[in-house]
Every structure is written in C-alpha cells, then in structure tokens.
Amino acid sequence: MFLQTWNKYLPVIKILLKRSVNGEQTLDMNSSDFQRASGGKKIKFTFSIQLTKGRGQAGENFPPIAKDLISVLQQDNTTSKFMQQRELEFTMNSNFQLYIKNNTLLEKPVEQTNGEITETEKADSDDSVNS
C-alpha cells in the first residue's frame, strides 16, 4: 500500500541513515502522499519501530505503513547492508515527520599486547610481591 510512497523518499532516507551515525535525523514528508496511498481508508500514520541488524523484534506487530518502510529498506542493497550492522529506530509522528535514530553502541578499539608482559610491568609486579 505504501511501497511506492516510501520508494519516493528512499534517496533522502539513505542520506539520513548515513548521517544518523552523528545524531538523530528528521525527514519532513508530505501528508498527501500517504493519504493518497491509503486510498481514503482511516489509517493511523504514526509508528515507532526498532530494527536490530535489519530486523524487527520477534512477535512485534507493525502497522502496514511501518511494514512497507521495512520492506523498502530491506530490498535496497545500500540500506540493507547499512542496517545489518546497526540498531536503528524509526519513528513517524502525526505531522508526517520521520525520525531516524542510530542506537548502535560504538565499540572502542582495544589495544592488545598479546599477553606479553613488558619489563616495566614485570618489575612493578616483582616489587609488589617483595613488599
């Protein structure tokens, strides 16, 4: 029902997904696009979904508008690859604003010493044993 509408906004969503690494992003959309796509049916256009590695939470029932957004994002190679490595939150409010939030925890690089003890560390540990 909303696939064509989401495809219209996909190029901008791609840009905002990349920018979401630096903070929450907002996309103002045209309400008439979604109202036309609904075919005059009374539909709730608001939603909030979390995708982990490109998938929604098990057992969660998404509204049609959210299902179609997920479908469009998964079918596009660029967004699909991006989402596979991240935890993202998409929220749409009644003003037809889509918020994209990247909830992925950044891993800090860990320095590895391969288990080797330097001479300084060895001397320090010897001193503490002898004390």
N, C-alpha and C. Protein backbone atom coordinates (compact mmCIF):
# COMPACT_ATOMS: atom_id res chain seq x y z
N MET A 1 0.81 -1.18 0.00
CA MET A 1 0.00 0.00 0.00
C MET A 1 0.87 1.27 0.00
N PHE A 2 1.94 1.27 0.80
CA PHE A 2 2.79 2.46 0.92
C PHE A 2 4.16 2.28 0.26
N LEU A 3 4.37 1.17 -0.43
CA LEU A 3 5.68 0.89 -1.03
C LEU A 3 6.12 2.00 -1.98
N GLN A 4 5.22 2.45 -2.83
CA GLN A 4 5.56 3.48 -3.81
C GLN A 4 5.92 4.80 -3.11
N THR A 5 5.21 5.10 -2.05
CA THR A 5 5.48 6.34 -1.30
C THR A 5 6.85 6.26 -0.64
N TRP A 6 7.15 5.14 0.01
CA TRP A 6 8.45 5.00 0.66
C TRP A 6 9.58 5.01 -0.38
N ASN A 7 9.35 4.41 -1.53
CA ASN A 7 10.37 4.43 -2.59
C ASN A 7 10.67 5.86 -3.05
N LYS A 8 9.65 6.71 -3.03
CA LYS A 8 9.83 8.11 -3.39
C LYS A 8 10.80 8.79 -2.43
N TYR A 9 10.71 8.46 -1.15
CA TYR A 9 11.54 9.09 -0.13
C TYR A 9 12.86 8.34 0.12
N LEU A 10 13.05 7.19 -0.49
CA LEU A 10 14.24 6.37 -0.24
C LEU A 10 15.57 7.08 -0.44
N PRO A 11 15.75 7.86 -1.52
CA PRO A 11 17.06 8.54 -1.69
C PRO A 11 17.41 9.45 -0.50
N VAL A 12 16.43 10.16 0.03
CA VAL A 12 16.68 11.04 1.17
C VAL A 12 16.90 10.21 2.44
N ILE A 13 16.15 9.13 2.59
CA ILE A 13 16.31 8.25 3.76
C ILE A 13 17.72 7.66 3.79
N LYS A 14 18.25 7.31 2.63
CA LYS A 14 19.63 6.77 2.56
C LYS A 14 20.63 7.77 3.12
N ILE A 15 20.48 9.02 2.72
CA ILE A 15 21.39 10.07 3.19
C ILE A 15 21.26 10.24 4.70
N LEU A 16 20.02 10.25 5.17
CA LEU A 16 19.79 10.44 6.60
C LEU A 16 20.27 9.25 7.42
N LEU A 17 20.20 8.05 6.86
CA LEU A 17 20.73 6.87 7.56
C LEU A 17 22.23 7.03 7.80
N LYS A 18 22.94 7.47 6.76
CA LYS A 18 24.39 7.66 6.91
C LYS A 18 24.69 8.75 7.94
N ARG A 19 23.89 9.81 7.93
CA ARG A 19 24.11 10.90 8.88
C ARG A 19 23.70 10.52 10.31
N SER A 20 22.87 9.51 10.44
CA SER A 20 22.37 9.12 11.76
C SER A 20 23.48 8.65 12.69
N VAL A 21 24.63 8.34 12.14
CA VAL A 21 25.77 7.94 12.96
C VAL A 21 26.16 9.10 13.88
N ASN A 22 25.93 10.33 13.43
CA ASN A 22 26.30 11.51 14.20
C ASN A 22 25.18 12.05 15.07
N GLY A 23 23.97 11.54 14.91
CA GLY A 23 22.86 12.02 15.72
C GLY A 23 21.52 11.76 15.03
N GLU A 24 20.44 12.02 15.78
CA GLU A 24 19.09 11.77 15.25
C GLU A 24 18.81 12.66 14.04
N GLN A 25 18.15 12.10 13.05
CA GLN A 25 17.82 12.81 11.81
C GLN A 25 16.31 12.90 11.65
N THR A 26 15.85 13.96 10.99
CA THR A 26 14.41 14.17 10.78
C THR A 26 14.14 14.42 9.31
N LEU A 27 13.09 13.78 8.82
CA LEU A 27 12.64 13.98 7.44
C LEU A 27 11.19 14.44 7.47
N ASP A 28 10.94 15.65 6.97
CA ASP A 28 9.58 16.17 6.85
C ASP A 28 9.00 15.68 5.53
N MET A 29 7.87 14.97 5.61
CA MET A 29 7.26 14.39 4.42
C MET A 29 5.90 15.02 4.16
N ASN A 30 5.40 14.82 2.95
CA ASN A 30 4.13 15.39 2.53
C ASN A 30 2.98 14.47 2.94
N SER A 31 2.05 14.98 3.73
CA SER A 31 0.94 14.16 4.22
C SER A 31 0.06 13.64 3.09
N SER A 32 -0.08 14.41 2.02
CA SER A 32 -0.95 13.97 0.92
C SER A 32 -0.41 12.72 0.22
N ASP A 33 0.91 12.52 0.23
CA ASP A 33 1.49 11.30 -0.36
C ASP A 33 0.95 10.06 0.35
N PHE A 34 0.90 10.12 1.68
CA PHE A 34 0.47 8.97 2.46
C PHE A 34 -1.05 8.82 2.46
N GLN A 35 -1.75 9.92 2.45
CA GLN A 35 -3.21 9.86 2.42
C GLN A 35 -3.70 9.30 1.09
N ARG A 36 -3.03 9.66 0.00
CA ARG A 36 -3.38 9.09 -1.31
C ARG A 36 -3.09 7.60 -1.33
N ALA A 37 -1.95 7.21 -0.77
CA ALA A 37 -1.56 5.80 -0.77
C ALA A 37 -2.51 4.94 0.07
N SER A 38 -3.13 5.54 1.06
CA SER A 38 -4.04 4.78 1.92
C SER A 38 -5.38 4.54 1.24
N GLY A 39 -5.63 5.22 0.12
CA GLY A 39 -6.88 5.01 -0.62
C GLY A 39 -8.10 5.51 0.13
N GLY A 40 -7.94 6.50 0.95
CA GLY A 40 -9.06 7.07 1.69
C GLY A 40 -9.44 6.31 2.95
N LYS A 41 -8.72 5.23 3.24
CA LYS A 41 -9.00 4.46 4.45
C LYS A 41 -8.49 5.22 5.67
N LYS A 42 -9.20 5.06 6.76
CA LYS A 42 -8.76 5.66 8.02
C LYS A 42 -7.62 4.80 8.58
N ILE A 43 -6.42 5.34 8.52
CA ILE A 43 -5.23 4.60 8.96
C ILE A 43 -4.44 5.47 9.92
N LYS A 44 -3.90 4.84 10.93
CA LYS A 44 -3.03 5.53 11.87
C LYS A 44 -1.64 5.60 11.23
N PHE A 45 -1.18 6.81 11.00
CA PHE A 45 0.09 7.01 10.30
C PHE A 45 1.29 7.08 11.24
N THR A 46 1.06 7.03 12.53
CA THR A 46 2.17 7.13 13.47
C THR A 46 2.68 5.73 13.83
N PHE A 47 3.98 5.64 14.06
CA PHE A 47 4.57 4.38 14.49
C PHE A 47 5.95 4.63 15.08
N SER A 48 6.44 3.65 15.78
CA SER A 48 7.79 3.65 16.30
C SER A 48 8.29 2.21 16.23
N ILE A 49 9.36 1.99 15.50
CA ILE A 49 9.89 0.64 15.34
C ILE A 49 11.39 0.64 15.61
N GLN A 50 11.87 -0.48 16.12
CA GLN A 50 13.30 -0.67 16.31
C GLN A 50 13.75 -1.84 15.47
N LEU A 51 14.80 -1.63 14.70
CA LEU A 51 15.36 -2.69 13.88
C LEU A 51 16.76 -2.99 14.36
N THR A 52 16.99 -4.23 14.68
CA THR A 52 18.32 -4.69 15.08
C THR A 52 18.84 -5.59 13.98
N LYS A 53 19.97 -5.20 13.42
CA LYS A 53 20.57 -5.92 12.30
C LYS A 53 19.56 -6.11 11.16
N GLY A 54 18.78 -5.07 10.91
CA GLY A 54 17.84 -5.06 9.79
C GLY A 54 16.52 -5.77 10.03
N ARG A 55 16.30 -6.25 11.24
CA ARG A 55 15.06 -6.98 11.54
C ARG A 55 14.36 -6.38 12.75
N GLY A 56 13.03 -6.49 12.74
CA GLY A 56 12.23 -6.04 13.87
C GLY A 56 12.27 -7.06 15.00
N GLN A 57 11.77 -6.66 16.14
CA GLN A 57 11.71 -7.56 17.29
C GLN A 57 10.73 -8.70 17.01
N ALA A 58 11.08 -9.89 17.42
CA ALA A 58 10.23 -11.07 17.20
C ALA A 58 8.89 -10.89 17.89
N GLY A 59 7.83 -11.23 17.18
CA GLY A 59 6.49 -11.18 17.75
C GLY A 59 5.85 -9.80 17.74
N GLU A 60 6.58 -8.79 17.28
CA GLU A 60 6.04 -7.44 17.26
C GLU A 60 5.19 -7.26 16.00
N ASN A 61 4.00 -6.69 16.17
CA ASN A 61 3.08 -6.50 15.06
C ASN A 61 3.15 -5.04 14.62
N PHE A 62 3.72 -4.80 13.43
CA PHE A 62 3.88 -3.46 12.92
C PHE A 62 2.68 -3.05 12.07
N PRO A 63 2.32 -1.76 12.08
CA PRO A 63 1.25 -1.28 11.21
C PRO A 63 1.71 -1.37 9.75
N PRO A 64 0.78 -1.40 8.78
CA PRO A 64 1.15 -1.53 7.37
C PRO A 64 2.15 -0.48 6.89
N ILE A 65 2.02 0.74 7.36
CA ILE A 65 2.93 1.80 6.93
C ILE A 65 4.37 1.48 7.36
N ALA A 66 4.54 0.92 8.55
CA ALA A 66 5.87 0.56 9.04
C ALA A 66 6.40 -0.69 8.33
N LYS A 67 5.52 -1.66 8.09
CA LYS A 67 5.94 -2.87 7.37
C LYS A 67 6.47 -2.53 5.98
N ASP A 68 5.79 -1.60 5.30
CA ASP A 68 6.23 -1.22 3.97
C ASP A 68 7.56 -0.47 4.01
N LEU A 69 7.78 0.35 5.03
CA LEU A 69 9.08 1.02 5.18
C LEU A 69 10.18 -0.01 5.36
N ILE A 70 9.96 -0.98 6.24
CA ILE A 70 10.96 -2.03 6.47
C ILE A 70 11.24 -2.78 5.17
N SER A 71 10.19 -3.10 4.44
CA SER A 71 10.33 -3.84 3.19
C SER A 71 11.18 -3.06 2.18
N VAL A 72 10.91 -1.78 2.02
CA VAL A 72 11.66 -0.95 1.08
C VAL A 72 13.13 -0.87 1.51
N LEU A 73 13.38 -0.71 2.79
CA LEU A 73 14.75 -0.62 3.29
C LEU A 73 15.50 -1.93 3.10
N GLN A 74 14.83 -3.06 3.30
CA GLN A 74 15.47 -4.36 3.16
C GLN A 74 15.73 -4.72 1.69
N GLN A 75 14.91 -4.22 0.79
CA GLN A 75 15.07 -4.54 -0.64
C GLN A 75 16.17 -3.74 -1.30
N ASP A 76 16.54 -2.61 -0.72
CA ASP A 76 17.61 -1.79 -1.28
C ASP A 76 18.96 -2.28 -0.76
N ASN A 77 19.89 -2.56 -1.65
CA ASN A 77 21.19 -3.13 -1.25
C ASN A 77 21.95 -2.22 -0.29
N THR A 78 21.98 -0.93 -0.57
CA THR A 78 22.74 0.01 0.25
C THR A 78 22.20 0.07 1.67
N THR A 79 20.89 0.26 1.80
CA THR A 79 20.31 0.37 3.14
C THR A 79 20.33 -0.97 3.86
N SER A 80 20.15 -2.05 3.12
CA SER A 80 20.17 -3.37 3.74
C SER A 80 21.52 -3.65 4.38
N LYS A 81 22.60 -3.37 3.65
CA LYS A 81 23.95 -3.58 4.19
C LYS A 81 24.20 -2.68 5.39
N PHE A 82 23.75 -1.44 5.30
CA PHE A 82 23.93 -0.50 6.41
C PHE A 82 23.23 -0.99 7.66
N MET A 83 22.00 -1.46 7.50
CA MET A 83 21.19 -1.88 8.64
C MET A 83 21.68 -3.19 9.26
N GLN A 84 22.37 -4.02 8.49
CA GLN A 84 22.84 -5.31 9.00
C GLN A 84 23.81 -5.16 10.16
N GLN A 85 24.45 -4.01 10.25
CA GLN A 85 25.48 -3.82 11.27
C GLN A 85 25.05 -2.85 12.36
N ARG A 86 23.75 -2.48 12.36
CA ARG A 86 23.33 -1.44 13.29
C ARG A 86 21.99 -1.72 13.95
N GLU A 87 21.75 -0.94 14.99
CA GLU A 87 20.45 -0.94 15.66
C GLU A 87 19.84 0.44 15.42
N LEU A 88 18.71 0.46 14.71
CA LEU A 88 18.09 1.71 14.30
C LEU A 88 16.68 1.83 14.82
N GLU A 89 16.26 3.06 15.06
CA GLU A 89 14.90 3.32 15.50
C GLU A 89 14.27 4.31 14.52
N PHE A 90 13.09 3.96 14.02
CA PHE A 90 12.33 4.82 13.11
C PHE A 90 11.03 5.20 13.80
N THR A 91 10.75 6.50 13.85
CA THR A 91 9.52 6.98 14.46
C THR A 91 8.87 7.99 13.52
N MET A 92 7.57 7.81 13.29
CA MET A 92 6.83 8.77 12.47
C MET A 92 5.71 9.35 13.32
N ASN A 93 5.62 10.68 13.35
CA ASN A 93 4.59 11.32 14.15
C ASN A 93 3.42 11.78 13.27
N SER A 94 2.42 12.36 13.89
CA SER A 94 1.21 12.75 13.17
C SER A 94 1.44 13.94 12.22
N ASN A 95 2.59 14.59 12.31
CA ASN A 95 2.93 15.68 11.39
C ASN A 95 3.72 15.16 10.20
N PHE A 96 3.76 13.84 10.02
CA PHE A 96 4.46 13.17 8.93
C PHE A 96 5.94 13.52 8.92
N GLN A 97 6.51 13.48 10.12
CA GLN A 97 7.95 13.63 10.28
C GLN A 97 8.52 12.27 10.65
N LEU A 98 9.51 11.83 9.90
CA LEU A 98 10.17 10.56 10.17
C LEU A 98 11.47 10.86 10.90
N TYR A 99 11.62 10.29 12.09
CA TYR A 99 12.84 10.43 12.88
C TYR A 99 13.64 9.15 12.75
N ILE A 100 14.92 9.31 12.48
CA ILE A 100 15.82 8.16 12.36
C ILE A 100 16.89 8.31 13.43
N LYS A 101 16.96 7.32 14.29
CA LYS A 101 17.92 7.35 15.38
C LYS A 101 18.78 6.09 15.33
N ASN A 102 20.08 6.28 15.36
CA ASN A 102 21.02 5.16 15.35
C ASN A 102 21.37 4.85 16.79
N ASN A 103 20.92 3.69 17.28
CA ASN A 103 21.17 3.29 18.67
C ASN A 103 22.33 2.32 18.79
N THR A 104 23.14 2.22 17.76
CA THR A 104 24.26 1.29 17.76
C THR A 104 25.32 1.78 18.74
N LEU A 105 25.77 0.89 19.60
CA LEU A 105 26.84 1.23 20.53
C LEU A 105 28.16 1.16 19.79
N LEU A 106 28.94 2.21 19.91
CA LEU A 106 30.24 2.22 19.25
C LEU A 106 31.22 1.41 20.08
N GLU A 107 31.91 0.51 19.41
CA GLU A 107 32.91 -0.28 20.11
C GLU A 107 34.23 0.46 20.09
N LYS A 108 34.84 0.59 21.25
CA LYS A 108 36.12 1.26 21.33
C LYS A 108 37.21 0.25 20.99
N PRO A 109 38.18 0.68 20.17
CA PRO A 109 39.26 -0.25 19.85
C PRO A 109 40.06 -0.59 21.11
N VAL A 110 40.36 -1.86 21.26
CA VAL A 110 41.08 -2.33 22.44
C VAL A 110 42.51 -2.64 22.02
N GLU A 111 43.45 -2.09 22.78
CA GLU A 111 44.85 -2.37 22.48
C GLU A 111 45.19 -3.75 23.01
N GLN A 112 45.78 -4.54 22.16
CA GLN A 112 46.15 -5.89 22.58
C GLN A 112 47.66 -5.96 22.72
N THR A 113 48.09 -6.61 23.77
CA THR A 113 49.52 -6.80 23.98
C THR A 113 49.92 -8.24 23.75
N ASN A 114 48.97 -9.04 23.27
CA ASN A 114 49.19 -10.46 23.01
C ASN A 114 49.66 -11.21 24.25
N GLY A 115 49.28 -10.70 25.41
CA GLY A 115 49.60 -11.40 26.65
C GLY A 115 51.03 -11.24 27.10
N GLU A 116 51.83 -10.45 26.39
CA GLU A 116 53.22 -10.26 26.77
C GLU A 116 53.31 -9.24 27.90
N ILE A 117 54.19 -9.50 28.82
CA ILE A 117 54.42 -8.58 29.93
C ILE A 117 55.70 -7.83 29.63
N THR A 118 55.61 -6.50 29.70
CA THR A 118 56.80 -5.69 29.44
C THR A 118 57.72 -5.76 30.66
N GLU A 119 58.95 -5.36 30.47
CA GLU A 119 59.92 -5.39 31.56
C GLU A 119 59.46 -4.48 32.71
N THR A 120 58.85 -3.35 32.37
CA THR A 120 58.38 -2.42 33.41
C THR A 120 57.28 -3.06 34.23
N GLU A 121 56.33 -3.72 33.56
CA GLU A 121 55.24 -4.38 34.27
C GLU A 121 55.77 -5.52 35.14
N LYS A 122 56.77 -6.23 34.62
CA LYS A 122 57.35 -7.34 35.37
C LYS A 122 58.06 -6.82 36.62
N ALA A 123 58.79 -5.71 36.45
CA ALA A 123 59.49 -5.13 37.59
C ALA A 123 58.49 -4.62 38.63
N ASP A 124 57.42 -4.00 38.18
CA ASP A 124 56.39 -3.49 39.09
C ASP A 124 55.76 -4.63 39.87
N SER A 125 55.48 -5.74 39.18
CA SER A 125 54.83 -6.86 39.87
C SER A 125 55.81 -7.54 40.84
N ASP A 126 57.09 -7.57 40.48
CA ASP A 126 58.11 -8.15 41.38
C ASP A 126 58.23 -7.30 42.64
N ASP A 127 58.17 -5.97 42.48
CA ASP A 127 58.28 -5.07 43.63
C ASP A 127 57.10 -5.26 44.58
N SER A 128 55.90 -5.45 44.03
CA SER A 128 54.72 -5.59 44.89
C SER A 128 54.74 -6.93 45.61
N VAL A 129 55.34 -7.94 45.02
CA VAL A 129 55.43 -9.25 45.67
C VAL A 129 56.45 -9.20 46.80
N ASN A 130 57.55 -8.46 46.60
CA ASN A 130 58.60 -8.39 47.58
C ASN A 130 58.27 -7.45 48.74
N SER A 131 57.25 -6.63 48.60
CA SER A 131 56.93 -5.65 49.63
C SER A 131 56.34 -6.28 50.85
